[in-house]
All heavy atoms as atom14 arrays in JSON, in Angstrom:
{
  "sequence": "AQAGGSLKLSCAASGRTFRSYFMGWFRQGSG",
  "atom14_mask": [
    [1, 1, 1, 1, 1, 0, 0, 0, 0, 0, 0, 0, 0, 0],
    [1, 1, 1, 1, 1, 1, 1, 1, 1, 0, 0, 0, 0, 0],
    [1, 1, 1, 1, 1, 0, 0, 0, 0, 0, 0, 0, 0, 0],
    [1, 1, 1, 1, 0, 0, 0, 0, 0, 0, 0, 0, 0, 0],
    [1, 1, 1, 1, 0, 0, 0, 0, 0, 0, 0, 0, 0, 0],
    [1, 1, 1, 1, 1, 1, 0, 0, 0, 0, 0, 0, 0, 0],
    [1, 1, 1, 1, 1, 1, 1, 1, 0, 0, 0, 0, 0, 0],
    [1, 1, 1, 1, 1, 1, 1, 1, 1, 0, 0, 0, 0, 0],
    [1, 1, 1, 1, 1, 1, 1, 1, 0, 0, 0, 0, 0, 0],
    [1, 1, 1, 1, 1, 1, 0, 0, 0, 0, 0, 0, 0, 0],
    [1, 1, 1, 1, 1, 1, 0, 0, 0, 0, 0, 0, 0, 0],
    [1, 1, 1, 1, 1, 0, 0, 0, 0, 0, 0, 0, 0, 0],
    [1, 1, 1, 1, 1, 0, 0, 0, 0, 0, 0, 0, 0, 0],
    [1, 1, 1, 1, 1, 1, 0, 0, 0, 0, 0, 0, 0, 0],
    [1, 1, 1, 1, 0, 0, 0, 0, 0, 0, 0, 0, 0, 0],
    [1, 1, 1, 1, 1, 1, 1, 1, 1, 1, 1, 0, 0, 0],
    [1, 1, 1, 1, 1, 1, 1, 0, 0, 0, 0, 0, 0, 0],
    [1, 1, 1, 1, 1, 1, 1, 1, 1, 1, 1, 0, 0, 0],
    [1, 1, 1, 1, 1, 1, 1, 1, 1, 1, 1, 0, 0, 0],
    [1, 1, 1, 1, 1, 1, 0, 0, 0, 0, 0, 0, 0, 0],
    [1, 1, 1, 1, 1, 1, 1, 1, 1, 1, 1, 1, 0, 0],
    [1, 1, 1, 1, 1, 1, 1, 1, 1, 1, 1, 0, 0, 0],
    [1, 1, 1, 1, 1, 1, 1, 1, 0, 0, 0, 0, 0, 0],
    [1, 1, 1, 1, 0, 0, 0, 0, 0, 0, 0, 0, 0, 0],
    [1, 1, 1, 1, 1, 1, 1, 1, 1, 1, 1, 1, 1, 1],
    [1, 1, 1, 1, 1, 1, 1, 1, 1, 1, 1, 0, 0, 0],
    [1, 1, 1, 1, 1, 1, 1, 1, 1, 1, 1, 0, 0, 0],
    [1, 1, 1, 1, 1, 1, 1, 1, 1, 0, 0, 0, 0, 0],
    [1, 1, 1, 1, 0, 0, 0, 0, 0, 0, 0, 0, 0, 0],
    [1, 1, 1, 1, 1, 1, 0, 0, 0, 0, 0, 0, 0, 0],
    [1, 1, 1, 1, 0, 0, 0, 0, 0, 0, 0, 0, 0, 0]
  ],
  "atom14_positions": [
    [[55.51, 27.02, -8.8], [54.12, 26.92, -8.37], [54.06, 26.42, -6.94], [55.0, 25.77, -6.46], [53.33, 25.99, -9.29], [0.0, 0.0, 0.0], [0.0, 0.0, 0.0], [0.0, 0.0, 0.0], [0.0, 0.0, 0.0], [0.0, 0.0, 0.0], [0.0, 0.0, 0.0], [0.0, 0.0, 0.0], [0.0, 0.0, 0.0], [0.0, 0.0, 0.0]],
    [[52.98, 26.72, -6.27], [52.75, 26.2, -4.92], [52.03, 24.87, -5.0], [51.34, 24.57, -5.97], [51.94, 27.18, -4.09], [52.67, 28.46, -3.73], [51.88, 29.33, -2.79], [50.68, 29.51, -2.95], [52.55, 29.87, -1.78], [0.0, 0.0, 0.0], [0.0, 0.0, 0.0], [0.0, 0.0, 0.0], [0.0, 0.0, 0.0], [0.0, 0.0, 0.0]],
    [[52.2, 24.06, -3.98], [51.48, 22.8, -3.91], [49.98, 23.06, -4.06], [49.43, 23.97, -3.44], [51.77, 22.09, -2.59], [0.0, 0.0, 0.0], [0.0, 0.0, 0.0], [0.0, 0.0, 0.0], [0.0, 0.0, 0.0], [0.0, 0.0, 0.0], [0.0, 0.0, 0.0], [0.0, 0.0, 0.0], [0.0, 0.0, 0.0], [0.0, 0.0, 0.0]],
    [[49.34, 22.26, -4.9], [47.93, 22.44, -5.18], [47.65, 23.34, -6.36], [46.5, 23.4, -6.83], [0.0, 0.0, 0.0], [0.0, 0.0, 0.0], [0.0, 0.0, 0.0], [0.0, 0.0, 0.0], [0.0, 0.0, 0.0], [0.0, 0.0, 0.0], [0.0, 0.0, 0.0], [0.0, 0.0, 0.0], [0.0, 0.0, 0.0], [0.0, 0.0, 0.0]],
    [[48.68, 24.01, -6.87], [48.51, 24.91, -7.99], [48.59, 24.2, -9.33], [48.65, 22.97, -9.41], [0.0, 0.0, 0.0], [0.0, 0.0, 0.0], [0.0, 0.0, 0.0], [0.0, 0.0, 0.0], [0.0, 0.0, 0.0], [0.0, 0.0, 0.0], [0.0, 0.0, 0.0], [0.0, 0.0, 0.0], [0.0, 0.0, 0.0], [0.0, 0.0, 0.0]],
    [[48.62, 25.0, -10.39], [48.6, 24.47, -11.76], [49.63, 25.17, -12.63], [49.97, 26.33, -12.41], [47.21, 24.65, -12.39], [46.22, 23.94, -11.68], [0.0, 0.0, 0.0], [0.0, 0.0, 0.0], [0.0, 0.0, 0.0], [0.0, 0.0, 0.0], [0.0, 0.0, 0.0], [0.0, 0.0, 0.0], [0.0, 0.0, 0.0], [0.0, 0.0, 0.0]],
    [[50.11, 24.44, -13.61], [50.95, 24.96, -14.67], [50.58, 24.26, -15.96], [50.14, 23.11, -15.94], [52.44, 24.73, -14.39], [53.12, 25.58, -13.33], [54.54, 25.05, -13.08], [53.17, 27.04, -13.73], [0.0, 0.0, 0.0], [0.0, 0.0, 0.0], [0.0, 0.0, 0.0], [0.0, 0.0, 0.0], [0.0, 0.0, 0.0], [0.0, 0.0, 0.0]],
    [[50.77, 24.95, -17.08], [50.54, 24.34, -18.39], [51.82, 24.46, -19.21], [52.27, 25.57, -19.49], [49.38, 25.0, -19.12], [49.0, 24.29, -20.41], [47.74, 24.87, -21.03], [47.31, 24.09, -22.26], [46.05, 24.61, -22.84], [0.0, 0.0, 0.0], [0.0, 0.0, 0.0], [0.0, 0.0, 0.0], [0.0, 0.0, 0.0], [0.0, 0.0, 0.0]],
    [[52.37, 23.33, -19.6], [53.56, 23.29, -20.42], [53.19, 23.17, -21.88], [52.18, 22.55, -22.23], [54.45, 22.1, -20.03], [54.83, 21.98, -18.55], [55.77, 20.79, -18.36], [55.46, 23.26, -18.05], [0.0, 0.0, 0.0], [0.0, 0.0, 0.0], [0.0, 0.0, 0.0], [0.0, 0.0, 0.0], [0.0, 0.0, 0.0], [0.0, 0.0, 0.0]],
    [[54.0, 23.76, -22.74], [53.83, 23.67, -24.17], [55.1, 23.15, -24.81], [56.2, 23.4, -24.32], [53.48, 25.03, -24.78], [52.26, 25.53, -24.28], [0.0, 0.0, 0.0], [0.0, 0.0, 0.0], [0.0, 0.0, 0.0], [0.0, 0.0, 0.0], [0.0, 0.0, 0.0], [0.0, 0.0, 0.0], [0.0, 0.0, 0.0], [0.0, 0.0, 0.0]],
    [[54.96, 22.43, -25.89], [56.08, 21.94, -26.67], [55.79, 22.23, -28.13], [54.87, 21.63, -28.71], [56.29, 20.45, -26.44], [57.56, 19.7, -27.5], [0.0, 0.0, 0.0], [0.0, 0.0, 0.0], [0.0, 0.0, 0.0], [0.0, 0.0, 0.0], [0.0, 0.0, 0.0], [0.0, 0.0, 0.0], [0.0, 0.0, 0.0], [0.0, 0.0, 0.0]],
    [[56.57, 23.12, -28.71], [56.4, 23.5, -30.11], [57.4, 22.74, -30.97], [58.59, 22.73, -30.67], [56.59, 25.0, -30.28], [0.0, 0.0, 0.0], [0.0, 0.0, 0.0], [0.0, 0.0, 0.0], [0.0, 0.0, 0.0], [0.0, 0.0, 0.0], [0.0, 0.0, 0.0], [0.0, 0.0, 0.0], [0.0, 0.0, 0.0], [0.0, 0.0, 0.0]],
    [[56.92, 22.13, -32.04], [57.75, 21.34, -32.94], [57.94, 22.05, -34.26], [57.02, 22.7, -34.77], [57.13, 19.97, -33.16], [0.0, 0.0, 0.0], [0.0, 0.0, 0.0], [0.0, 0.0, 0.0], [0.0, 0.0, 0.0], [0.0, 0.0, 0.0], [0.0, 0.0, 0.0], [0.0, 0.0, 0.0], [0.0, 0.0, 0.0], [0.0, 0.0, 0.0]],
    [[59.13, 21.89, -34.84], [59.44, 22.52, -36.11], [59.14, 21.64, -37.31], [59.08, 22.12, -38.43], [60.92, 22.93, -36.14], [61.76, 21.79, -36.08], [0.0, 0.0, 0.0], [0.0, 0.0, 0.0], [0.0, 0.0, 0.0], [0.0, 0.0, 0.0], [0.0, 0.0, 0.0], [0.0, 0.0, 0.0], [0.0, 0.0, 0.0], [0.0, 0.0, 0.0]],
    [[58.97, 20.34, -37.11], [58.76, 19.42, -38.21], [57.45, 19.66, -38.95], [56.44, 20.06, -38.36], [0.0, 0.0, 0.0], [0.0, 0.0, 0.0], [0.0, 0.0, 0.0], [0.0, 0.0, 0.0], [0.0, 0.0, 0.0], [0.0, 0.0, 0.0], [0.0, 0.0, 0.0], [0.0, 0.0, 0.0], [0.0, 0.0, 0.0], [0.0, 0.0, 0.0]],
    [[57.47, 19.37, -40.24], [56.27, 19.56, -41.06], [55.35, 18.35, -41.06], [54.26, 18.41, -41.62], [56.67, 19.92, -42.49], [57.43, 21.24, -42.6], [57.42, 21.77, -44.01], [58.1, 20.87, -44.94], [58.17, 21.08, -46.25], [57.6, 22.15, -46.78], [58.8, 20.2, -47.03], [0.0, 0.0, 0.0], [0.0, 0.0, 0.0], [0.0, 0.0, 0.0]],
    [[55.79, 17.26, -40.44], [54.98, 16.05, -40.34], [54.62, 15.76, -38.9], [54.51, 14.6, -38.49], [55.71, 14.85, -40.96], [56.98, 14.66, -40.33], [55.92, 15.07, -42.45], [0.0, 0.0, 0.0], [0.0, 0.0, 0.0], [0.0, 0.0, 0.0], [0.0, 0.0, 0.0], [0.0, 0.0, 0.0], [0.0, 0.0, 0.0], [0.0, 0.0, 0.0]],
    [[54.41, 16.8, -38.11], [54.09, 16.67, -36.69], [52.88, 15.77, -36.47], [52.81, 15.04, -35.49], [53.85, 18.05, -36.09], [53.44, 18.02, -34.64], [54.37, 17.81, -33.65], [52.11, 18.2, -34.29], [53.99, 17.79, -32.32], [51.72, 18.19, -32.96], [52.67, 17.98, -31.97], [0.0, 0.0, 0.0], [0.0, 0.0, 0.0], [0.0, 0.0, 0.0]],
    [[51.93, 15.82, -37.38], [50.71, 15.04, -37.22], [50.99, 13.55, -37.07], [50.2, 12.84, -36.44], [49.78, 15.29, -38.41], [48.47, 14.51, -38.36], [47.57, 14.85, -39.52], [47.12, 16.23, -39.46], [46.05, 16.64, -38.78], [45.32, 15.77, -38.09], [45.72, 17.92, -38.78], [0.0, 0.0, 0.0], [0.0, 0.0, 0.0], [0.0, 0.0, 0.0]],
    [[52.09, 13.07, -37.63], [52.41, 11.65, -37.59], [53.18, 11.23, -36.35], [53.42, 10.04, -36.16], [53.21, 11.26, -38.83], [54.5, 11.84, -38.81], [0.0, 0.0, 0.0], [0.0, 0.0, 0.0], [0.0, 0.0, 0.0], [0.0, 0.0, 0.0], [0.0, 0.0, 0.0], [0.0, 0.0, 0.0], [0.0, 0.0, 0.0], [0.0, 0.0, 0.0]],
    [[53.57, 12.17, -35.5], [54.43, 11.85, -34.36], [53.64, 11.35, -33.17], [52.58, 11.89, -32.83], [55.23, 13.07, -33.92], [56.08, 13.73, -34.98], [56.55, 15.02, -34.78], [56.41, 13.08, -36.16], [57.34, 15.64, -35.73], [57.19, 13.7, -37.12], [57.65, 14.98, -36.9], [58.42, 15.6, -37.85], [0.0, 0.0, 0.0], [0.0, 0.0, 0.0]],
    [[54.17, 10.33, -32.52], [53.73, 9.93, -31.2], [54.53, 10.77, -30.21], [55.77, 10.75, -30.23], [54.0, 8.43, -31.0], [53.55, 7.88, -29.69], [52.24, 7.46, -29.5], [54.43, 7.75, -28.63], [51.82, 6.93, -28.3], [54.03, 7.22, -27.42], [52.71, 6.81, -27.26], [0.0, 0.0, 0.0], [0.0, 0.0, 0.0], [0.0, 0.0, 0.0]],
    [[53.87, 11.53, -29.37], [54.53, 12.51, -28.52], [54.46, 12.11, -27.05], [53.44, 11.58, -26.59], [53.9, 13.89, -28.69], [53.97, 14.43, -30.11], [55.68, 14.75, -30.64], [56.17, 16.02, -29.46], [0.0, 0.0, 0.0], [0.0, 0.0, 0.0], [0.0, 0.0, 0.0], [0.0, 0.0, 0.0], [0.0, 0.0, 0.0], [0.0, 0.0, 0.0]],
    [[55.53, 12.4, -26.34], [55.58, 12.08, -24.92], [56.16, 13.2, -24.09], [56.89, 14.07, -24.59], [0.0, 0.0, 0.0], [0.0, 0.0, 0.0], [0.0, 0.0, 0.0], [0.0, 0.0, 0.0], [0.0, 0.0, 0.0], [0.0, 0.0, 0.0], [0.0, 0.0, 0.0], [0.0, 0.0, 0.0], [0.0, 0.0, 0.0], [0.0, 0.0, 0.0]],
    [[55.82, 13.18, -22.81], [56.42, 14.05, -21.8], [57.15, 13.19, -20.79], [56.61, 12.16, -20.34], [55.37, 14.89, -21.08], [54.83, 16.05, -21.85], [53.66, 16.1, -22.55], [55.43, 17.34, -21.98], [53.49, 17.34, -23.11], [54.57, 18.13, -22.78], [56.61, 17.91, -21.51], [54.85, 19.45, -23.11], [56.89, 19.23, -21.84], [56.02, 19.98, -22.63]],
    [[58.36, 13.6, -20.44], [59.17, 12.96, -19.43], [59.63, 14.0, -18.43], [59.56, 15.2, -18.69], [60.39, 12.27, -20.05], [60.05, 11.06, -20.88], [59.51, 11.2, -22.15], [60.27, 9.79, -20.39], [59.2, 10.1, -22.92], [59.96, 8.67, -21.16], [59.43, 8.82, -22.41], [0.0, 0.0, 0.0], [0.0, 0.0, 0.0], [0.0, 0.0, 0.0]],
    [[60.1, 13.54, -17.29], [60.66, 14.46, -16.31], [61.85, 13.81, -15.63], [61.97, 12.59, -15.55], [59.62, 14.89, -15.28], [59.12, 13.78, -14.37], [57.97, 14.27, -13.52], [57.49, 13.26, -12.59], [56.41, 13.4, -11.82], [55.7, 14.52, -11.88], [56.05, 12.42, -11.01], [0.0, 0.0, 0.0], [0.0, 0.0, 0.0], [0.0, 0.0, 0.0]],
    [[62.74, 14.66, -15.13], [63.93, 14.19, -14.45], [64.21, 15.08, -13.25], [64.53, 16.26, -13.41], [65.13, 14.17, -15.38], [66.37, 13.55, -14.77], [67.45, 13.3, -15.81], [67.42, 13.86, -16.9], [68.4, 12.45, -15.47], [0.0, 0.0, 0.0], [0.0, 0.0, 0.0], [0.0, 0.0, 0.0], [0.0, 0.0, 0.0], [0.0, 0.0, 0.0]],
    [[64.04, 14.52, -12.06], [64.36, 15.25, -10.85], [65.85, 15.22, -10.58], [66.6, 14.44, -11.16], [0.0, 0.0, 0.0], [0.0, 0.0, 0.0], [0.0, 0.0, 0.0], [0.0, 0.0, 0.0], [0.0, 0.0, 0.0], [0.0, 0.0, 0.0], [0.0, 0.0, 0.0], [0.0, 0.0, 0.0], [0.0, 0.0, 0.0], [0.0, 0.0, 0.0]],
    [[66.28, 16.09, -9.69], [67.69, 16.18, -9.35], [68.21, 14.85, -8.82], [67.65, 14.28, -7.88], [67.9, 17.28, -8.31], [69.26, 17.39, -7.95], [0.0, 0.0, 0.0], [0.0, 0.0, 0.0], [0.0, 0.0, 0.0], [0.0, 0.0, 0.0], [0.0, 0.0, 0.0], [0.0, 0.0, 0.0], [0.0, 0.0, 0.0], [0.0, 0.0, 0.0]],
    [[69.26, 14.34, -9.43], [69.86, 13.09, -9.0], [69.06, 11.85, -9.34], [69.38, 10.76, -8.84], [0.0, 0.0, 0.0], [0.0, 0.0, 0.0], [0.0, 0.0, 0.0], [0.0, 0.0, 0.0], [0.0, 0.0, 0.0], [0.0, 0.0, 0.0], [0.0, 0.0, 0.0], [0.0, 0.0, 0.0], [0.0, 0.0, 0.0], [0.0, 0.0, 0.0]]
  ]
}
C-alpha cells in the first residue's frame, strides 16, 4: 500500500470455541 492508504487484514480461526478467545494483533518489522 502507499502511504495514506488502507488495508484490511483478516484472521480465520479453526477452533470451535473462538467466542471465548481474547484476540490480538502483533507486528514485527525487519530486525
